[in-house]
Amino acid sequence: MPSCKISILTTHDAHLIIMEDLIFNLFIFVLAAFIGFELISKVPPTLHTPLMSGANAISGITLIGALIIAGGSESVYSQWIGFTAIVFATINVVGGFMVTDRMLEMFKKKKEDEK
């Protein structure tokens, strides 16, 4: 007969697993922030407007993901994290569109007043 081994996680083991996941996710976050800062600081001003439009599209996708997380989770912690992500992604999308619109206004020809 095949033997079936059942392992029981203690509370201490569960905390270790959670801490390992937290440290890994924190590492990914710090790495992404560092790489993002390095990439953005190297962008020439002429490419800023097209990249801003692309960033707005990505923030829109982030906003949809945050809505799914906040609405589909039963955990209060996940709902708060999702709500925070919704707020920050909304600020990012709205601010990005405002900046992009303002920059595109600079390229429009101004009408001269006829006298």
N, C-alpha and C. Protein backbone atom coordinates (compact mmCIF):
# COMPACT_ATOMS: atom_id res chain seq x y z
N MET A 1 0.84 -1.19 0.00
CA MET A 1 0.00 0.00 0.00
C MET A 1 0.88 1.24 0.00
N PRO A 2 0.48 2.22 -0.79
CA PRO A 2 1.26 3.47 -0.77
C PRO A 2 1.06 4.20 0.54
N SER A 3 2.13 4.76 1.00
CA SER A 3 2.03 5.51 2.26
C SER A 3 1.75 6.98 1.94
N CYS A 4 0.95 7.57 2.74
CA CYS A 4 0.57 8.96 2.56
C CYS A 4 1.14 9.74 3.74
N LYS A 5 1.97 10.71 3.43
CA LYS A 5 2.60 11.49 4.47
C LYS A 5 1.87 12.83 4.59
N ILE A 6 1.41 13.15 5.73
CA ILE A 6 0.72 14.41 5.98
C ILE A 6 1.62 15.27 6.84
N SER A 7 1.87 16.46 6.33
CA SER A 7 2.69 17.37 7.13
C SER A 7 1.79 18.47 7.68
N ILE A 8 2.02 18.80 8.89
CA ILE A 8 1.22 19.83 9.55
C ILE A 8 2.12 21.03 9.77
N LEU A 9 1.65 22.16 9.26
CA LEU A 9 2.41 23.39 9.45
C LEU A 9 2.07 23.99 10.81
N THR A 10 3.07 24.34 11.53
CA THR A 10 2.84 25.04 12.79
C THR A 10 2.68 26.52 12.49
N THR A 11 2.28 27.26 13.48
CA THR A 11 2.13 28.70 13.32
C THR A 11 3.47 29.35 12.99
N HIS A 12 4.53 28.83 13.60
CA HIS A 12 5.86 29.36 13.34
C HIS A 12 6.26 29.14 11.88
N ASP A 13 5.97 27.95 11.34
CA ASP A 13 6.27 27.66 9.94
C ASP A 13 5.48 28.57 9.01
N ALA A 14 4.23 28.80 9.33
CA ALA A 14 3.40 29.67 8.50
C ALA A 14 3.94 31.09 8.49
N HIS A 15 4.40 31.58 9.64
CA HIS A 15 4.98 32.92 9.70
C HIS A 15 6.27 33.00 8.88
N LEU A 16 7.06 31.93 8.89
CA LEU A 16 8.29 31.92 8.10
C LEU A 16 7.98 31.98 6.61
N ILE A 17 6.97 31.25 6.18
CA ILE A 17 6.59 31.27 4.77
C ILE A 17 6.10 32.64 4.37
N ILE A 18 5.29 33.27 5.23
CA ILE A 18 4.78 34.61 4.94
C ILE A 18 5.94 35.61 4.87
N MET A 19 6.90 35.50 5.79
CA MET A 19 8.04 36.41 5.79
C MET A 19 8.91 36.21 4.54
N GLU A 20 9.08 34.96 4.12
CA GLU A 20 9.85 34.70 2.90
C GLU A 20 9.18 35.34 1.70
N ASP A 21 7.86 35.22 1.60
CA ASP A 21 7.12 35.84 0.50
C ASP A 21 7.21 37.36 0.57
N LEU A 22 7.11 37.90 1.77
CA LEU A 22 7.19 39.35 1.94
C LEU A 22 8.56 39.88 1.53
N ILE A 23 9.61 39.20 1.95
CA ILE A 23 10.97 39.63 1.60
C ILE A 23 11.19 39.53 0.09
N PHE A 24 10.71 38.47 -0.53
CA PHE A 24 10.85 38.31 -1.98
C PHE A 24 10.08 39.42 -2.72
N ASN A 25 8.84 39.69 -2.30
CA ASN A 25 8.05 40.74 -2.95
C ASN A 25 8.67 42.12 -2.72
N LEU A 26 9.22 42.36 -1.55
CA LEU A 26 9.90 43.62 -1.28
C LEU A 26 11.14 43.77 -2.15
N PHE A 27 11.87 42.69 -2.35
CA PHE A 27 13.03 42.71 -3.23
C PHE A 27 12.63 43.07 -4.66
N ILE A 28 11.56 42.46 -5.15
CA ILE A 28 11.07 42.76 -6.51
C ILE A 28 10.65 44.21 -6.61
N PHE A 29 9.97 44.73 -5.59
CA PHE A 29 9.54 46.12 -5.59
C PHE A 29 10.72 47.08 -5.64
N VAL A 30 11.72 46.85 -4.80
CA VAL A 30 12.90 47.73 -4.76
C VAL A 30 13.65 47.65 -6.09
N LEU A 31 13.80 46.45 -6.63
CA LEU A 31 14.47 46.28 -7.91
C LEU A 31 13.72 47.01 -9.03
N ALA A 32 12.40 46.88 -9.06
CA ALA A 32 11.60 47.56 -10.08
C ALA A 32 11.69 49.07 -9.93
N ALA A 33 11.68 49.57 -8.70
CA ALA A 33 11.79 51.01 -8.47
C ALA A 33 13.15 51.52 -8.94
N PHE A 34 14.21 50.80 -8.64
CA PHE A 34 15.55 51.21 -9.04
C PHE A 34 15.69 51.21 -10.57
N ILE A 35 15.26 50.13 -11.20
CA ILE A 35 15.36 50.05 -12.66
C ILE A 35 14.48 51.11 -13.32
N GLY A 36 13.28 51.32 -12.81
CA GLY A 36 12.40 52.35 -13.35
C GLY A 36 13.00 53.73 -13.25
N PHE A 37 13.60 54.04 -12.11
CA PHE A 37 14.24 55.35 -11.94
C PHE A 37 15.40 55.53 -12.91
N GLU A 38 16.20 54.50 -13.05
CA GLU A 38 17.35 54.58 -13.96
C GLU A 38 16.89 54.74 -15.41
N LEU A 39 15.84 54.04 -15.81
CA LEU A 39 15.36 54.16 -17.18
C LEU A 39 14.73 55.52 -17.46
N ILE A 40 13.91 55.99 -16.55
CA ILE A 40 13.21 57.26 -16.75
C ILE A 40 14.20 58.43 -16.76
N SER A 41 15.23 58.35 -15.94
CA SER A 41 16.19 59.46 -15.89
C SER A 41 17.02 59.57 -17.17
N LYS A 42 17.06 58.51 -17.98
CA LYS A 42 17.83 58.52 -19.21
C LYS A 42 17.00 58.92 -20.43
N VAL A 43 15.72 59.21 -20.27
CA VAL A 43 14.84 59.52 -21.40
C VAL A 43 15.05 60.98 -21.82
N PRO A 44 15.30 61.20 -23.12
CA PRO A 44 15.43 62.59 -23.58
C PRO A 44 14.07 63.29 -23.59
N PRO A 45 14.05 64.61 -23.46
CA PRO A 45 12.78 65.34 -23.38
C PRO A 45 11.87 65.15 -24.60
N THR A 46 12.43 64.90 -25.78
CA THR A 46 11.59 64.74 -26.97
C THR A 46 10.77 63.45 -26.93
N LEU A 47 11.20 62.48 -26.17
CA LEU A 47 10.45 61.23 -26.07
C LEU A 47 9.52 61.18 -24.86
N HIS A 48 9.50 62.25 -24.09
CA HIS A 48 8.74 62.22 -22.85
C HIS A 48 7.24 62.06 -23.09
N THR A 49 6.68 62.82 -24.05
CA THR A 49 5.24 62.77 -24.29
C THR A 49 4.77 61.39 -24.77
N PRO A 50 5.43 60.76 -25.76
CA PRO A 50 4.97 59.41 -26.15
C PRO A 50 5.11 58.39 -25.02
N LEU A 51 6.18 58.50 -24.24
CA LEU A 51 6.34 57.56 -23.13
C LEU A 51 5.32 57.79 -22.04
N MET A 52 4.93 59.06 -21.84
CA MET A 52 3.91 59.37 -20.85
C MET A 52 2.57 58.75 -21.26
N SER A 53 2.27 58.79 -22.55
CA SER A 53 1.03 58.18 -23.03
C SER A 53 1.05 56.67 -22.81
N GLY A 54 2.21 56.05 -23.04
CA GLY A 54 2.34 54.61 -22.78
C GLY A 54 2.21 54.29 -21.30
N ALA A 55 2.77 55.14 -20.47
CA ALA A 55 2.67 54.94 -19.02
C ALA A 55 1.23 55.08 -18.56
N ASN A 56 0.48 55.98 -19.20
CA ASN A 56 -0.94 56.12 -18.84
C ASN A 56 -1.71 54.85 -19.19
N ALA A 57 -1.38 54.24 -20.30
CA ALA A 57 -2.05 52.98 -20.68
C ALA A 57 -1.73 51.89 -19.67
N ILE A 58 -0.48 51.82 -19.23
CA ILE A 58 -0.09 50.81 -18.24
C ILE A 58 -0.79 51.09 -16.91
N SER A 59 -0.90 52.37 -16.54
CA SER A 59 -1.59 52.71 -15.30
C SER A 59 -3.07 52.37 -15.38
N GLY A 60 -3.63 52.49 -16.57
CA GLY A 60 -5.03 52.07 -16.75
C GLY A 60 -5.20 50.58 -16.51
N ILE A 61 -4.24 49.79 -16.99
CA ILE A 61 -4.28 48.34 -16.75
C ILE A 61 -4.10 48.06 -15.26
N THR A 62 -3.23 48.81 -14.60
CA THR A 62 -3.04 48.67 -13.16
C THR A 62 -4.33 48.98 -12.41
N LEU A 63 -5.03 49.99 -12.88
CA LEU A 63 -6.31 50.36 -12.26
C LEU A 63 -7.33 49.24 -12.38
N ILE A 64 -7.39 48.61 -13.53
CA ILE A 64 -8.31 47.48 -13.71
C ILE A 64 -7.93 46.32 -12.79
N GLY A 65 -6.63 46.03 -12.69
CA GLY A 65 -6.18 44.97 -11.78
C GLY A 65 -6.50 45.27 -10.34
N ALA A 66 -6.34 46.53 -9.95
CA ALA A 66 -6.66 46.92 -8.57
C ALA A 66 -8.15 46.78 -8.29
N LEU A 67 -8.97 47.11 -9.27
CA LEU A 67 -10.41 46.92 -9.09
C LEU A 67 -10.77 45.45 -8.91
N ILE A 68 -10.12 44.60 -9.68
CA ILE A 68 -10.39 43.16 -9.56
C ILE A 68 -9.96 42.65 -8.18
N ILE A 69 -8.78 43.07 -7.72
CA ILE A 69 -8.27 42.62 -6.42
C ILE A 69 -9.17 43.12 -5.29
N ALA A 70 -9.53 44.41 -5.34
CA ALA A 70 -10.33 44.99 -4.26
C ALA A 70 -11.73 44.39 -4.22
N GLY A 71 -12.30 44.12 -5.38
CA GLY A 71 -13.67 43.61 -5.42
C GLY A 71 -13.78 42.12 -5.24
N GLY A 72 -12.76 41.37 -5.62
CA GLY A 72 -12.87 39.91 -5.60
C GLY A 72 -12.28 39.24 -4.39
N SER A 73 -11.77 40.00 -3.45
CA SER A 73 -11.11 39.42 -2.30
C SER A 73 -12.02 39.43 -1.08
N GLU A 74 -11.89 38.40 -0.28
CA GLU A 74 -12.66 38.34 0.95
C GLU A 74 -11.85 38.84 2.14
N SER A 75 -10.56 38.98 1.95
CA SER A 75 -9.69 39.45 3.02
C SER A 75 -9.76 40.97 3.12
N VAL A 76 -9.92 41.45 4.33
CA VAL A 76 -9.98 42.90 4.56
C VAL A 76 -8.65 43.54 4.20
N TYR A 77 -7.56 42.87 4.50
CA TYR A 77 -6.23 43.38 4.18
C TYR A 77 -6.08 43.55 2.66
N SER A 78 -6.49 42.56 1.90
CA SER A 78 -6.40 42.65 0.44
C SER A 78 -7.30 43.74 -0.10
N GLN A 79 -8.46 43.93 0.51
CA GLN A 79 -9.36 44.99 0.07
C GLN A 79 -8.74 46.37 0.30
N TRP A 80 -8.06 46.55 1.44
CA TRP A 80 -7.41 47.83 1.70
C TRP A 80 -6.25 48.07 0.75
N ILE A 81 -5.49 47.04 0.49
CA ILE A 81 -4.39 47.16 -0.47
C ILE A 81 -4.95 47.48 -1.85
N GLY A 82 -6.02 46.81 -2.24
CA GLY A 82 -6.66 47.08 -3.53
C GLY A 82 -7.20 48.49 -3.61
N PHE A 83 -7.81 48.97 -2.53
CA PHE A 83 -8.33 50.33 -2.51
C PHE A 83 -7.21 51.36 -2.64
N THR A 84 -6.11 51.11 -1.93
CA THR A 84 -4.96 52.00 -2.03
C THR A 84 -4.40 52.01 -3.45
N ALA A 85 -4.35 50.83 -4.07
CA ALA A 85 -3.87 50.75 -5.45
C ALA A 85 -4.80 51.49 -6.39
N ILE A 86 -6.11 51.42 -6.14
CA ILE A 86 -7.07 52.16 -6.97
C ILE A 86 -6.84 53.65 -6.86
N VAL A 87 -6.65 54.13 -5.64
CA VAL A 87 -6.43 55.57 -5.43
C VAL A 87 -5.17 56.03 -6.14
N PHE A 88 -4.05 55.33 -5.93
CA PHE A 88 -2.79 55.74 -6.54
C PHE A 88 -2.81 55.62 -8.06
N ALA A 89 -3.40 54.56 -8.59
CA ALA A 89 -3.47 54.40 -10.04
C ALA A 89 -4.36 55.46 -10.67
N THR A 90 -5.45 55.83 -9.99
CA THR A 90 -6.32 56.89 -10.50
C THR A 90 -5.59 58.23 -10.52
N ILE A 91 -4.89 58.54 -9.45
CA ILE A 91 -4.10 59.78 -9.42
C ILE A 91 -3.07 59.78 -10.55
N ASN A 92 -2.43 58.65 -10.77
CA ASN A 92 -1.41 58.54 -11.80
C ASN A 92 -2.02 58.72 -13.20
N VAL A 93 -3.16 58.09 -13.46
CA VAL A 93 -3.79 58.20 -14.77
C VAL A 93 -4.26 59.62 -15.03
N VAL A 94 -4.97 60.21 -14.08
CA VAL A 94 -5.48 61.57 -14.27
C VAL A 94 -4.33 62.57 -14.41
N GLY A 95 -3.35 62.48 -13.54
CA GLY A 95 -2.20 63.38 -13.62
C GLY A 95 -1.43 63.19 -14.92
N GLY A 96 -1.29 61.96 -15.34
CA GLY A 96 -0.58 61.69 -16.59
C GLY A 96 -1.29 62.28 -17.80
N PHE A 97 -2.61 62.14 -17.82
CA PHE A 97 -3.36 62.72 -18.94
C PHE A 97 -3.30 64.25 -18.90
N MET A 98 -3.31 64.82 -17.72
CA MET A 98 -3.21 66.29 -17.62
C MET A 98 -1.85 66.77 -18.13
N VAL A 99 -0.79 66.09 -17.73
CA VAL A 99 0.54 66.49 -18.18
C VAL A 99 0.69 66.28 -19.68
N THR A 100 0.20 65.15 -20.19
CA THR A 100 0.29 64.88 -21.62
C THR A 100 -0.49 65.92 -22.42
N ASP A 101 -1.68 66.25 -21.95
CA ASP A 101 -2.49 67.27 -22.64
C ASP A 101 -1.78 68.62 -22.64
N ARG A 102 -1.21 68.96 -21.52
CA ARG A 102 -0.48 70.24 -21.42
C ARG A 102 0.72 70.27 -22.35
N MET A 103 1.44 69.15 -22.44
CA MET A 103 2.59 69.10 -23.33
C MET A 103 2.18 69.15 -24.80
N LEU A 104 1.07 68.49 -25.14
CA LEU A 104 0.60 68.53 -26.53
C LEU A 104 0.11 69.92 -26.91
N GLU A 105 -0.41 70.68 -25.96
CA GLU A 105 -0.82 72.06 -26.23
C GLU A 105 0.37 72.91 -26.65
N MET A 106 1.55 72.59 -26.19
CA MET A 106 2.74 73.36 -26.55
C MET A 106 3.08 73.21 -28.03
N PHE A 107 2.67 72.10 -28.65
CA PHE A 107 3.01 71.87 -30.04
C PHE A 107 1.96 72.42 -31.01
N LYS A 108 0.82 72.85 -30.53
CA LYS A 108 -0.22 73.41 -31.39
C LYS A 108 0.17 74.82 -31.80
N LYS A 109 -0.19 75.15 -33.03
CA LYS A 109 0.08 76.50 -33.51
C LYS A 109 -0.90 77.46 -32.86
N LYS A 110 -0.38 78.60 -32.43
CA LYS A 110 -1.22 79.61 -31.82
C LYS A 110 -1.82 80.49 -32.90
N LYS A 111 -3.08 80.80 -32.76
CA LYS A 111 -3.75 81.68 -33.71
C LYS A 111 -3.38 83.12 -33.39
N GLU A 112 -3.02 83.82 -34.43
CA GLU A 112 -2.69 85.23 -34.25
C GLU A 112 -3.97 86.06 -34.32
N ASP A 113 -4.06 87.01 -33.45
CA ASP A 113 -5.22 87.89 -33.44
C ASP A 113 -5.15 88.81 -34.66
N GLU A 114 -6.26 88.88 -35.40
CA GLU A 114 -6.31 89.76 -36.56
C GLU A 114 -6.77 91.14 -36.11
N LYS A 115 -6.11 92.16 -36.57
CA LYS A 115 -6.44 93.52 -36.17
C LYS A 115 -6.94 94.31 -37.32
